[in-house]
């Protein structure tokens, strides 16, 4: 390792450098983008991660640990929780020549489950049951030169049932079919909001 790389890696091994790496990883930057921000090649960054566990851990914790913390906070909010609330009251007591009264009261407060957090959790963990518009299905099947597209509106559709069908077409029509499927999906989304 050359002197330039040695001085650079010293910075990235410092508390400030490791925190910056962790923050970039937490912000969603890929390893190649982190390397670019560091001013090194992706290959050198990869080598440093192998040589210095501190760098590997900073990037890993930025990506994984924060995700788990957010998941845990979302779950806690979805389920509801209890917390302690401390109230300090000033009343009668002599402090600096004045009568004041100081009391400390601790109450347990229950935070009710957050419906939005419940929906976010269930939409992502059980999408087949909870995700909005789960009955709107667009299947694309490619068999050599043919494409099969299935559009399903849903069980409660009052619209013409002719849209619940399967169509077979060649490769040149795939773009047209995708546009039509998205248009119908968007129209159905608008219908559901009525």
N, C-alpha and C. Protein backbone atom coordinates (compact mmCIF):
# COMPACT_ATOMS: atom_id res chain seq x y z
N UNK A 1 0.86 -1.17 0.00
CA UNK A 1 0.00 0.00 0.00
C UNK A 1 0.90 1.23 0.00
N UNK A 2 0.61 2.17 -0.92
CA UNK A 2 1.40 3.38 -1.02
C UNK A 2 1.10 4.34 0.11
N UNK A 3 1.98 5.38 0.26
CA UNK A 3 1.79 6.35 1.35
C UNK A 3 0.46 7.08 1.23
N UNK A 4 0.04 7.41 -0.02
CA UNK A 4 -1.22 8.11 -0.21
C UNK A 4 -2.38 7.25 0.31
N UNK A 5 -2.38 5.97 -0.03
CA UNK A 5 -3.43 5.07 0.43
C UNK A 5 -3.39 4.87 1.94
N UNK A 6 -2.17 4.83 2.52
CA UNK A 6 -2.04 4.65 3.96
C UNK A 6 -2.66 5.83 4.71
N UNK A 7 -2.39 7.06 4.25
CA UNK A 7 -2.95 8.22 4.93
C UNK A 7 -4.46 8.28 4.72
N UNK A 8 -4.93 7.88 3.55
CA UNK A 8 -6.36 7.88 3.29
C UNK A 8 -7.07 6.87 4.16
N UNK A 9 -6.54 5.68 4.26
CA UNK A 9 -7.19 4.64 5.07
C UNK A 9 -7.17 5.02 6.54
N UNK A 10 -6.16 5.77 6.99
CA UNK A 10 -6.12 6.22 8.38
C UNK A 10 -7.34 7.09 8.69
N UNK A 11 -7.70 7.97 7.74
CA UNK A 11 -8.88 8.80 7.95
C UNK A 11 -10.13 7.93 8.04
N UNK A 12 -10.28 6.98 7.10
CA UNK A 12 -11.49 6.15 7.06
C UNK A 12 -11.58 5.20 8.25
N UNK A 13 -10.47 4.98 8.94
CA UNK A 13 -10.49 4.16 10.16
C UNK A 13 -10.74 5.01 11.41
N UNK A 14 -10.72 6.34 11.27
CA UNK A 14 -10.99 7.23 12.40
C UNK A 14 -12.49 7.20 12.72
N UNK A 15 -12.86 7.69 13.88
CA UNK A 15 -14.28 7.73 14.27
C UNK A 15 -15.10 8.53 13.26
N UNK A 16 -14.57 9.68 12.80
CA UNK A 16 -15.29 10.50 11.83
C UNK A 16 -15.47 9.76 10.51
N UNK A 17 -14.41 9.13 10.03
CA UNK A 17 -14.47 8.40 8.76
C UNK A 17 -15.45 7.23 8.82
N UNK A 18 -15.40 6.46 9.91
CA UNK A 18 -16.30 5.32 10.06
C UNK A 18 -17.75 5.77 10.16
N UNK A 19 -17.99 6.88 10.86
CA UNK A 19 -19.35 7.41 10.97
C UNK A 19 -19.87 7.84 9.61
N UNK A 20 -19.02 8.48 8.83
CA UNK A 20 -19.41 8.91 7.49
C UNK A 20 -19.76 7.70 6.62
N UNK A 21 -18.94 6.65 6.67
CA UNK A 21 -19.22 5.43 5.90
C UNK A 21 -20.56 4.83 6.32
N UNK A 22 -20.78 4.79 7.63
CA UNK A 22 -22.03 4.24 8.15
C UNK A 22 -23.23 5.06 7.66
N UNK A 23 -23.09 6.38 7.68
CA UNK A 23 -24.18 7.25 7.23
C UNK A 23 -24.46 7.09 5.74
N UNK A 24 -23.42 7.00 4.93
CA UNK A 24 -23.62 6.80 3.50
C UNK A 24 -24.33 5.47 3.23
N UNK A 25 -23.92 4.44 3.96
CA UNK A 25 -24.57 3.13 3.80
C UNK A 25 -26.03 3.22 4.24
N UNK A 26 -26.29 3.91 5.34
CA UNK A 26 -27.66 4.07 5.84
C UNK A 26 -28.51 4.85 4.84
N UNK A 27 -27.90 5.80 4.13
CA UNK A 27 -28.63 6.61 3.15
C UNK A 27 -28.89 5.84 1.85
N UNK A 28 -28.40 4.62 1.76
CA UNK A 28 -28.72 3.77 0.61
C UNK A 28 -27.70 3.77 -0.51
N UNK A 29 -26.53 4.34 -0.29
CA UNK A 29 -25.51 4.33 -1.34
C UNK A 29 -24.94 2.93 -1.50
N UNK A 30 -24.73 2.52 -2.77
CA UNK A 30 -24.11 1.23 -3.05
C UNK A 30 -22.61 1.35 -2.78
N UNK A 31 -21.93 0.19 -2.69
CA UNK A 31 -20.50 0.19 -2.39
C UNK A 31 -19.70 1.00 -3.42
N UNK A 32 -20.06 0.90 -4.70
CA UNK A 32 -19.33 1.66 -5.73
C UNK A 32 -19.51 3.16 -5.53
N UNK A 33 -20.71 3.57 -5.09
CA UNK A 33 -20.97 4.99 -4.84
C UNK A 33 -20.23 5.46 -3.58
N UNK A 34 -20.15 4.61 -2.58
CA UNK A 34 -19.40 4.96 -1.37
C UNK A 34 -17.92 5.13 -1.73
N UNK A 35 -17.39 4.20 -2.53
CA UNK A 35 -15.99 4.30 -2.96
C UNK A 35 -15.75 5.60 -3.70
N UNK A 36 -16.67 5.97 -4.57
CA UNK A 36 -16.55 7.22 -5.33
C UNK A 36 -16.52 8.42 -4.38
N UNK A 37 -17.41 8.42 -3.38
CA UNK A 37 -17.44 9.52 -2.41
C UNK A 37 -16.14 9.57 -1.59
N UNK A 38 -15.56 8.40 -1.36
CA UNK A 38 -14.30 8.34 -0.60
C UNK A 38 -13.11 8.80 -1.45
N UNK A 39 -13.29 8.79 -2.77
CA UNK A 39 -12.20 9.15 -3.67
C UNK A 39 -11.27 7.99 -3.97
N UNK A 40 -11.78 6.76 -3.87
CA UNK A 40 -10.98 5.57 -4.17
C UNK A 40 -11.74 4.71 -5.17
N UNK A 41 -11.05 3.75 -5.75
CA UNK A 41 -11.70 2.84 -6.69
C UNK A 41 -12.53 1.82 -5.91
N UNK A 42 -13.56 1.28 -6.56
CA UNK A 42 -14.35 0.23 -5.90
C UNK A 42 -13.50 -0.97 -5.49
N UNK A 43 -12.45 -1.27 -6.28
CA UNK A 43 -11.57 -2.40 -5.96
C UNK A 43 -10.79 -2.13 -4.67
N UNK A 44 -10.29 -0.89 -4.52
CA UNK A 44 -9.55 -0.54 -3.31
C UNK A 44 -10.48 -0.54 -2.11
N UNK A 45 -11.68 -0.01 -2.29
CA UNK A 45 -12.65 -0.01 -1.20
C UNK A 45 -12.96 -1.44 -0.78
N UNK A 46 -13.13 -2.33 -1.73
CA UNK A 46 -13.40 -3.74 -1.43
C UNK A 46 -12.22 -4.37 -0.68
N UNK A 47 -11.00 -4.03 -1.09
CA UNK A 47 -9.81 -4.55 -0.41
C UNK A 47 -9.73 -4.02 1.03
N UNK A 48 -10.06 -2.75 1.21
CA UNK A 48 -10.03 -2.17 2.56
C UNK A 48 -11.08 -2.83 3.45
N UNK A 49 -12.25 -3.11 2.88
CA UNK A 49 -13.28 -3.80 3.68
C UNK A 49 -12.79 -5.17 4.13
N UNK A 50 -12.03 -5.85 3.26
CA UNK A 50 -11.48 -7.16 3.63
C UNK A 50 -10.37 -7.04 4.67
N UNK A 51 -9.52 -6.03 4.52
CA UNK A 51 -8.37 -5.85 5.41
C UNK A 51 -8.74 -5.24 6.75
N UNK A 52 -9.74 -4.38 6.78
CA UNK A 52 -10.07 -3.65 8.00
C UNK A 52 -11.52 -3.92 8.41
N UNK A 53 -11.71 -4.78 9.40
CA UNK A 53 -13.06 -5.13 9.83
C UNK A 53 -13.89 -3.92 10.27
N UNK A 54 -13.23 -2.86 10.73
CA UNK A 54 -13.94 -1.67 11.17
C UNK A 54 -14.72 -1.04 10.02
N UNK A 55 -14.09 -1.01 8.83
CA UNK A 55 -14.75 -0.44 7.66
C UNK A 55 -15.92 -1.33 7.25
N UNK A 56 -15.68 -2.63 7.20
CA UNK A 56 -16.75 -3.58 6.85
C UNK A 56 -17.93 -3.45 7.81
N UNK A 57 -17.64 -3.34 9.10
CA UNK A 57 -18.69 -3.25 10.12
C UNK A 57 -19.46 -1.93 10.01
N UNK A 58 -18.77 -0.84 9.71
CA UNK A 58 -19.45 0.46 9.58
C UNK A 58 -20.45 0.42 8.44
N UNK A 59 -20.04 -0.14 7.30
CA UNK A 59 -20.93 -0.22 6.15
C UNK A 59 -22.09 -1.19 6.45
N UNK A 60 -21.76 -2.33 7.03
CA UNK A 60 -22.78 -3.33 7.35
C UNK A 60 -23.80 -2.79 8.35
N UNK A 61 -23.32 -2.14 9.39
CA UNK A 61 -24.25 -1.62 10.40
C UNK A 61 -25.11 -0.50 9.84
N UNK A 62 -24.55 0.28 8.94
CA UNK A 62 -25.33 1.33 8.30
C UNK A 62 -26.47 0.76 7.49
N UNK A 63 -26.22 -0.38 6.85
CA UNK A 63 -27.24 -0.97 5.98
C UNK A 63 -28.23 -1.83 6.76
N UNK A 64 -27.75 -2.65 7.69
CA UNK A 64 -28.61 -3.64 8.32
C UNK A 64 -29.21 -3.19 9.64
N UNK A 65 -28.38 -2.69 10.53
CA UNK A 65 -28.84 -2.39 11.87
C UNK A 65 -29.93 -1.33 11.85
N UNK A 66 -29.78 -0.31 11.02
CA UNK A 66 -30.78 0.74 10.97
C UNK A 66 -32.10 0.18 10.45
N UNK A 67 -32.03 -0.71 9.46
CA UNK A 67 -33.26 -1.34 8.96
C UNK A 67 -33.98 -2.08 10.08
N UNK A 68 -33.22 -2.81 10.88
CA UNK A 68 -33.83 -3.55 11.99
C UNK A 68 -34.39 -2.61 13.06
N UNK A 69 -33.69 -1.52 13.32
CA UNK A 69 -34.20 -0.56 14.30
C UNK A 69 -35.52 0.05 13.83
N UNK A 70 -35.59 0.38 12.55
CA UNK A 70 -36.83 0.95 12.01
C UNK A 70 -37.94 -0.10 12.04
N UNK A 71 -37.61 -1.35 11.66
CA UNK A 71 -38.60 -2.42 11.73
C UNK A 71 -39.14 -2.57 13.15
N UNK A 72 -38.24 -2.57 14.12
CA UNK A 72 -38.66 -2.71 15.52
C UNK A 72 -39.52 -1.54 15.97
N UNK A 73 -39.17 -0.33 15.55
CA UNK A 73 -39.96 0.85 15.92
C UNK A 73 -41.34 0.79 15.26
N UNK A 74 -41.39 0.33 14.00
CA UNK A 74 -42.66 0.20 13.31
C UNK A 74 -43.54 -0.84 13.99
N UNK A 75 -42.95 -1.97 14.35
CA UNK A 75 -43.70 -3.02 15.03
C UNK A 75 -44.21 -2.54 16.39
N UNK A 76 -43.35 -1.86 17.13
CA UNK A 76 -43.75 -1.32 18.44
C UNK A 76 -44.93 -0.36 18.27
N UNK A 77 -44.85 0.51 17.27
CA UNK A 77 -45.92 1.47 17.02
C UNK A 77 -47.20 0.76 16.58
N UNK A 78 -47.05 -0.30 15.79
CA UNK A 78 -48.22 -1.04 15.31
C UNK A 78 -48.93 -1.77 16.45
N UNK A 79 -48.17 -2.28 17.41
CA UNK A 79 -48.76 -3.05 18.51
C UNK A 79 -49.21 -2.18 19.67
N UNK A 80 -48.68 -0.98 19.76
CA UNK A 80 -48.93 -0.14 20.92
C UNK A 80 -47.93 -0.50 22.01
N UNK A 81 -47.76 0.40 22.97
CA UNK A 81 -46.77 0.15 24.02
C UNK A 81 -47.07 1.04 25.21
N UNK A 82 -46.39 0.74 26.31
CA UNK A 82 -46.51 1.55 27.51
C UNK A 82 -45.22 2.31 27.71
N UNK A 83 -45.35 3.53 28.21
CA UNK A 83 -44.19 4.36 28.48
C UNK A 83 -44.42 5.12 29.78
N UNK A 84 -43.34 5.57 30.38
CA UNK A 84 -43.46 6.34 31.62
C UNK A 84 -43.37 7.82 31.31
N UNK A 85 -44.28 8.58 31.92
CA UNK A 85 -44.31 10.02 31.76
C UNK A 85 -43.99 10.65 33.11
N UNK A 86 -42.99 11.49 33.16
CA UNK A 86 -42.56 12.13 34.42
C UNK A 86 -43.01 13.58 34.41
N UNK A 87 -43.71 13.98 35.48
CA UNK A 87 -44.18 15.35 35.62
C UNK A 87 -43.52 15.95 36.85
N UNK A 88 -42.93 17.11 36.69
CA UNK A 88 -42.32 17.83 37.81
C UNK A 88 -43.17 19.08 38.07
N UNK A 89 -43.63 19.23 39.32
CA UNK A 89 -44.45 20.37 39.70
C UNK A 89 -43.70 21.19 40.73
N UNK A 90 -43.67 22.50 40.53
CA UNK A 90 -43.00 23.38 41.49
C UNK A 90 -44.08 24.02 42.35
N UNK A 91 -43.92 23.91 43.70
CA UNK A 91 -44.90 24.44 44.64
C UNK A 91 -44.18 25.02 45.85
N UNK A 92 -44.63 24.73 47.10
CA UNK A 92 -44.12 25.36 48.31
C UNK A 92 -42.86 24.68 48.84
N UNK A 93 -41.76 25.42 48.79
CA UNK A 93 -40.49 25.01 49.36
C UNK A 93 -39.56 26.21 49.28
N UNK A 94 -38.72 26.37 50.29
CA UNK A 94 -37.83 27.53 50.33
C UNK A 94 -36.58 27.23 49.49
N UNK A 95 -36.46 27.92 48.39
CA UNK A 95 -35.27 27.82 47.56
C UNK A 95 -34.84 29.23 47.24
N UNK A 96 -33.58 29.55 47.62
CA UNK A 96 -33.03 30.90 47.40
C UNK A 96 -33.95 31.99 47.97
N UNK A 97 -34.49 31.73 49.16
CA UNK A 97 -35.31 32.72 49.84
C UNK A 97 -36.75 32.77 49.38
N UNK A 98 -37.17 31.88 48.50
CA UNK A 98 -38.55 31.86 48.02
C UNK A 98 -39.16 30.50 48.32
N UNK A 99 -40.50 30.54 48.57
CA UNK A 99 -41.22 29.30 48.82
C UNK A 99 -41.63 28.68 47.49
N UNK A 100 -41.20 27.45 47.26
CA UNK A 100 -41.60 26.70 46.07
C UNK A 100 -41.89 25.27 46.49
N UNK A 101 -42.78 24.61 45.79
CA UNK A 101 -43.13 23.22 46.05
C UNK A 101 -42.69 22.40 44.83
N UNK A 102 -41.81 21.45 45.04
CA UNK A 102 -41.32 20.63 43.94
C UNK A 102 -41.79 19.19 44.18
N UNK A 103 -42.52 18.66 43.23
CA UNK A 103 -42.94 17.26 43.31
C UNK A 103 -42.63 16.59 41.98
N UNK A 104 -42.37 15.31 42.06
CA UNK A 104 -42.10 14.53 40.87
C UNK A 104 -43.12 13.39 40.83
N UNK A 105 -43.83 13.30 39.73
CA UNK A 105 -44.86 12.27 39.58
C UNK A 105 -44.56 11.46 38.33
N UNK A 106 -44.59 10.15 38.46
CA UNK A 106 -44.37 9.26 37.32
C UNK A 106 -45.66 8.51 37.03
N UNK A 107 -46.10 8.62 35.80
CA UNK A 107 -47.31 7.92 35.36
C UNK A 107 -46.95 6.99 34.22
N UNK A 108 -47.62 5.84 34.20
CA UNK A 108 -47.47 4.94 33.06
C UNK A 108 -48.53 5.31 32.04
N UNK A 109 -48.09 5.58 30.84
CA UNK A 109 -49.00 6.01 29.78
C UNK A 109 -49.03 4.91 28.71
N UNK A 110 -50.21 4.59 28.25
CA UNK A 110 -50.35 3.59 27.20
C UNK A 110 -50.53 4.29 25.86
N UNK A 111 -49.68 3.95 24.90
CA UNK A 111 -49.77 4.48 23.55
C UNK A 111 -50.52 3.44 22.72
N UNK A 112 -51.66 3.84 22.17
CA UNK A 112 -52.48 2.89 21.43
C UNK A 112 -51.80 2.51 20.11
N UNK A 113 -52.15 1.35 19.56
CA UNK A 113 -51.58 0.95 18.28
C UNK A 113 -51.85 1.97 17.18
N UNK A 114 -50.87 2.16 16.32
CA UNK A 114 -50.97 3.11 15.21
C UNK A 114 -51.47 2.35 13.97
N UNK A 115 -52.63 2.74 13.47
CA UNK A 115 -53.25 2.04 12.35
C UNK A 115 -52.37 2.11 11.10
N UNK A 116 -51.75 3.24 10.84
CA UNK A 116 -50.89 3.37 9.67
C UNK A 116 -49.71 2.41 9.77
N UNK A 117 -49.13 2.28 10.95
CA UNK A 117 -48.02 1.34 11.14
C UNK A 117 -48.51 -0.09 10.95
N UNK A 118 -49.72 -0.39 11.44
CA UNK A 118 -50.29 -1.74 11.24
C UNK A 118 -50.41 -2.04 9.75
N UNK A 119 -50.97 -1.09 9.00
CA UNK A 119 -51.16 -1.31 7.56
C UNK A 119 -49.82 -1.46 6.83
N UNK A 120 -48.86 -0.63 7.18
CA UNK A 120 -47.54 -0.72 6.55
C UNK A 120 -46.93 -2.10 6.80
N UNK A 121 -47.03 -2.55 8.03
CA UNK A 121 -46.46 -3.85 8.39
C UNK A 121 -47.17 -4.97 7.62
N UNK A 122 -48.50 -4.98 7.68
CA UNK A 122 -49.26 -6.06 7.05
C UNK A 122 -49.17 -6.02 5.52
N UNK A 123 -49.16 -4.82 4.93
CA UNK A 123 -49.02 -4.72 3.47
C UNK A 123 -47.72 -5.34 2.98
N UNK A 124 -46.67 -5.20 3.77
CA UNK A 124 -45.37 -5.71 3.35
C UNK A 124 -45.10 -7.13 3.81
N UNK A 125 -45.61 -7.50 4.96
CA UNK A 125 -45.36 -8.85 5.49
C UNK A 125 -46.36 -9.88 4.98
N UNK A 126 -47.60 -9.46 4.68
CA UNK A 126 -48.65 -10.36 4.21
C UNK A 126 -49.36 -9.72 3.02
N UNK A 127 -48.65 -9.45 1.94
CA UNK A 127 -49.25 -8.72 0.82
C UNK A 127 -50.41 -9.45 0.16
N UNK A 128 -50.40 -10.79 0.15
CA UNK A 128 -51.48 -11.53 -0.49
C UNK A 128 -52.82 -11.28 0.19
N UNK A 129 -52.78 -10.96 1.47
CA UNK A 129 -54.01 -10.75 2.23
C UNK A 129 -54.32 -9.26 2.39
N UNK A 130 -53.30 -8.43 2.63
CA UNK A 130 -53.53 -7.05 3.05
C UNK A 130 -53.22 -5.98 2.02
N UNK A 131 -52.41 -6.26 1.02
CA UNK A 131 -51.99 -5.20 0.11
C UNK A 131 -53.17 -4.68 -0.70
N UNK A 132 -53.26 -3.37 -0.81
CA UNK A 132 -54.33 -2.73 -1.57
C UNK A 132 -54.22 -3.17 -3.03
N UNK A 133 -55.37 -3.37 -3.66
CA UNK A 133 -55.43 -3.76 -5.06
C UNK A 133 -54.80 -5.13 -5.33
N UNK A 134 -54.84 -6.01 -4.34
CA UNK A 134 -54.22 -7.32 -4.53
C UNK A 134 -54.91 -8.15 -5.59
N UNK A 135 -56.19 -7.81 -5.91
CA UNK A 135 -56.91 -8.57 -6.93
C UNK A 135 -56.59 -8.10 -8.34
N UNK A 136 -55.93 -6.98 -8.48
CA UNK A 136 -55.53 -6.50 -9.80
C UNK A 136 -54.23 -7.17 -10.16
N UNK A 137 -54.27 -8.18 -11.00
CA UNK A 137 -53.10 -8.98 -11.33
C UNK A 137 -52.76 -8.78 -12.79
N UNK A 138 -51.49 -8.59 -13.06
CA UNK A 138 -51.02 -8.56 -14.44
C UNK A 138 -49.92 -9.59 -14.52
N UNK A 139 -50.19 -10.71 -15.20
CA UNK A 139 -49.20 -11.78 -15.38
C UNK A 139 -48.63 -11.66 -16.78
N UNK A 140 -47.32 -11.75 -16.90
CA UNK A 140 -46.69 -11.75 -18.21
C UNK A 140 -45.87 -13.02 -18.30
N UNK A 141 -46.13 -13.80 -19.34
CA UNK A 141 -45.47 -15.08 -19.50
C UNK A 141 -44.81 -15.09 -20.87
N UNK A 142 -43.51 -15.30 -20.94
CA UNK A 142 -42.78 -15.28 -22.20
C UNK A 142 -42.39 -16.70 -22.58
N UNK A 143 -42.96 -17.19 -23.66
CA UNK A 143 -42.59 -18.51 -24.18
C UNK A 143 -42.04 -18.29 -25.58
N UNK A 144 -40.74 -18.24 -25.68
CA UNK A 144 -40.02 -17.98 -26.92
C UNK A 144 -40.51 -16.70 -27.59
N UNK A 145 -41.41 -16.79 -28.55
CA UNK A 145 -41.82 -15.57 -29.25
C UNK A 145 -43.21 -15.10 -28.84
N UNK A 146 -43.92 -15.84 -28.02
CA UNK A 146 -45.26 -15.44 -27.60
C UNK A 146 -45.23 -14.91 -26.18
N UNK A 147 -46.14 -14.02 -25.88
CA UNK A 147 -46.26 -13.44 -24.55
C UNK A 147 -47.70 -13.64 -24.10
N UNK A 148 -47.90 -14.09 -22.88
CA UNK A 148 -49.23 -14.29 -22.33
C UNK A 148 -49.45 -13.25 -21.24
N UNK A 149 -50.53 -12.49 -21.34
CA UNK A 149 -50.83 -11.45 -20.36
C UNK A 149 -52.21 -11.75 -19.79
N UNK A 150 -52.32 -11.80 -18.48
CA UNK A 150 -53.60 -12.03 -17.82
C UNK A 150 -53.93 -10.79 -16.99
N UNK A 151 -55.11 -10.24 -17.18
CA UNK A 151 -55.55 -9.08 -16.41
C UNK A 151 -56.77 -9.52 -15.60
N UNK A 152 -56.71 -9.36 -14.31
CA UNK A 152 -57.82 -9.73 -13.44
C UNK A 152 -58.26 -8.48 -12.69
N UNK A 153 -59.52 -8.12 -12.79
CA UNK A 153 -60.03 -6.92 -12.14
C UNK A 153 -60.29 -7.15 -10.66
N UNK A 154 -60.86 -8.23 -10.30
CA UNK A 154 -61.21 -8.48 -8.91
C UNK A 154 -62.58 -9.11 -8.82
N UNK A 155 -62.89 -9.62 -7.66
CA UNK A 155 -64.12 -10.37 -7.44
C UNK A 155 -65.35 -9.48 -7.46
N UNK A 156 -65.26 -8.26 -7.02
CA UNK A 156 -66.42 -7.39 -6.87
C UNK A 156 -66.61 -6.44 -8.03
N UNK A 157 -66.01 -6.75 -9.15
CA UNK A 157 -66.09 -5.84 -10.29
C UNK A 157 -67.48 -5.83 -10.89
N UNK A 158 -68.10 -4.65 -11.00
CA UNK A 158 -69.40 -4.49 -11.65
C UNK A 158 -69.21 -4.21 -13.13
N UNK A 159 -67.96 -4.12 -13.56
CA UNK A 159 -67.68 -3.80 -14.95
C UNK A 159 -67.80 -5.05 -15.81
N UNK A 160 -67.77 -4.85 -17.10
CA UNK A 160 -67.87 -5.95 -18.06
C UNK A 160 -66.83 -7.02 -17.76
N UNK A 161 -67.26 -8.28 -17.67
CA UNK A 161 -66.36 -9.38 -17.32
C UNK A 161 -65.41 -9.73 -18.45
N UNK A 162 -65.57 -9.11 -19.62
CA UNK A 162 -64.72 -9.45 -20.76
C UNK A 162 -63.27 -9.05 -20.54
N UNK A 163 -62.99 -8.21 -19.55
CA UNK A 163 -61.59 -7.84 -19.30
C UNK A 163 -60.85 -8.95 -18.57
N UNK A 164 -61.56 -9.88 -17.95
CA UNK A 164 -60.92 -11.00 -17.26
C UNK A 164 -60.64 -12.10 -18.28
N UNK A 165 -59.60 -11.92 -19.06
CA UNK A 165 -59.30 -12.87 -20.12
C UNK A 165 -57.79 -12.97 -20.31
N UNK A 166 -57.40 -13.94 -21.11
CA UNK A 166 -56.00 -14.16 -21.43
C UNK A 166 -55.79 -13.86 -22.90
N UNK A 167 -54.72 -13.19 -23.22
CA UNK A 167 -54.40 -12.87 -24.61
C UNK A 167 -53.01 -13.37 -24.94
N UNK A 168 -52.83 -13.87 -26.15
CA UNK A 168 -51.51 -14.31 -26.61
C UNK A 168 -51.10 -13.43 -27.77
N UNK A 169 -49.85 -12.99 -27.76
CA UNK A 169 -49.38 -12.09 -28.80
C UNK A 169 -47.89 -12.29 -29.03
N UNK A 170 -47.38 -11.74 -30.11
CA UNK A 170 -45.96 -11.87 -30.38
C UNK A 170 -45.18 -10.74 -29.71
N UNK A 171 -43.86 -10.82 -29.77
CA UNK A 171 -42.98 -9.89 -29.06
C UNK A 171 -43.21 -8.43 -29.43
N UNK A 172 -43.55 -8.12 -30.68
CA UNK A 172 -43.67 -6.72 -31.10
C UNK A 172 -44.85 -6.01 -30.44
N UNK A 173 -45.84 -6.80 -29.97
CA UNK A 173 -47.01 -6.19 -29.33
C UNK A 173 -46.87 -6.07 -27.81
N UNK A 174 -45.74 -6.50 -27.25
CA UNK A 174 -45.62 -6.52 -25.79
C UNK A 174 -45.70 -5.12 -25.18
N UNK A 175 -45.07 -4.15 -25.81
CA UNK A 175 -45.10 -2.79 -25.26
C UNK A 175 -46.53 -2.24 -25.24
N UNK A 176 -47.25 -2.49 -26.31
CA UNK A 176 -48.63 -2.03 -26.40
C UNK A 176 -49.48 -2.70 -25.32
N UNK A 177 -49.28 -3.98 -25.12
CA UNK A 177 -50.05 -4.73 -24.12
C UNK A 177 -49.73 -4.25 -22.70
N UNK A 178 -48.46 -3.99 -22.43
CA UNK A 178 -48.08 -3.49 -21.10
C UNK A 178 -48.73 -2.14 -20.82
N UNK A 179 -48.72 -1.25 -21.82
CA UNK A 179 -49.34 0.06 -21.65
C UNK A 179 -50.83 -0.08 -21.37
N UNK A 180 -51.49 -0.95 -22.13
CA UNK A 180 -52.92 -1.15 -21.94
C UNK A 180 -53.22 -1.73 -20.55
N UNK A 181 -52.40 -2.68 -20.11
CA UNK A 181 -52.61 -3.28 -18.78
C UNK A 181 -52.43 -2.24 -17.69
N UNK A 182 -51.43 -1.38 -17.81
CA UNK A 182 -51.21 -0.34 -16.82
C UNK A 182 -52.35 0.67 -16.83
N UNK A 183 -52.84 1.01 -18.04
CA UNK A 183 -53.95 1.95 -18.15
C UNK A 183 -55.19 1.38 -17.46
N UNK A 184 -55.49 0.11 -17.71
CA UNK A 184 -56.65 -0.51 -17.09
C UNK A 184 -56.48 -0.59 -15.57
N UNK A 185 -55.27 -0.86 -15.12
CA UNK A 185 -55.01 -0.91 -13.68
C UNK A 185 -55.23 0.46 -13.06
N UNK A 186 -54.73 1.52 -13.72
CA UNK A 186 -54.92 2.88 -13.22
C UNK A 186 -56.40 3.27 -13.20
N UNK A 187 -57.14 2.87 -14.24
CA UNK A 187 -58.57 3.16 -14.27
C UNK A 187 -59.28 2.45 -13.13
N UNK A 188 -58.90 1.22 -12.87
CA UNK A 188 -59.52 0.44 -11.78
C UNK A 188 -59.19 1.07 -10.44
N UNK A 189 -57.94 1.52 -10.27
CA UNK A 189 -57.56 2.18 -9.02
C UNK A 189 -58.45 3.39 -8.79
N UNK A 190 -58.71 4.16 -9.84
CA UNK A 190 -59.59 5.32 -9.71
C UNK A 190 -61.01 4.93 -9.37
N UNK A 191 -61.50 3.84 -9.93
CA UNK A 191 -62.85 3.34 -9.66
C UNK A 191 -63.02 2.94 -8.19
N UNK A 192 -61.98 2.31 -7.61
CA UNK A 192 -62.04 1.85 -6.22
C UNK A 192 -62.15 3.02 -5.24
N UNK A 193 -61.63 4.16 -5.61
CA UNK A 193 -61.65 5.32 -4.71
C UNK A 193 -63.00 6.00 -4.65
N UNK A 194 -63.96 5.60 -5.47
CA UNK A 194 -65.30 6.22 -5.47
C UNK A 194 -66.05 5.82 -4.28
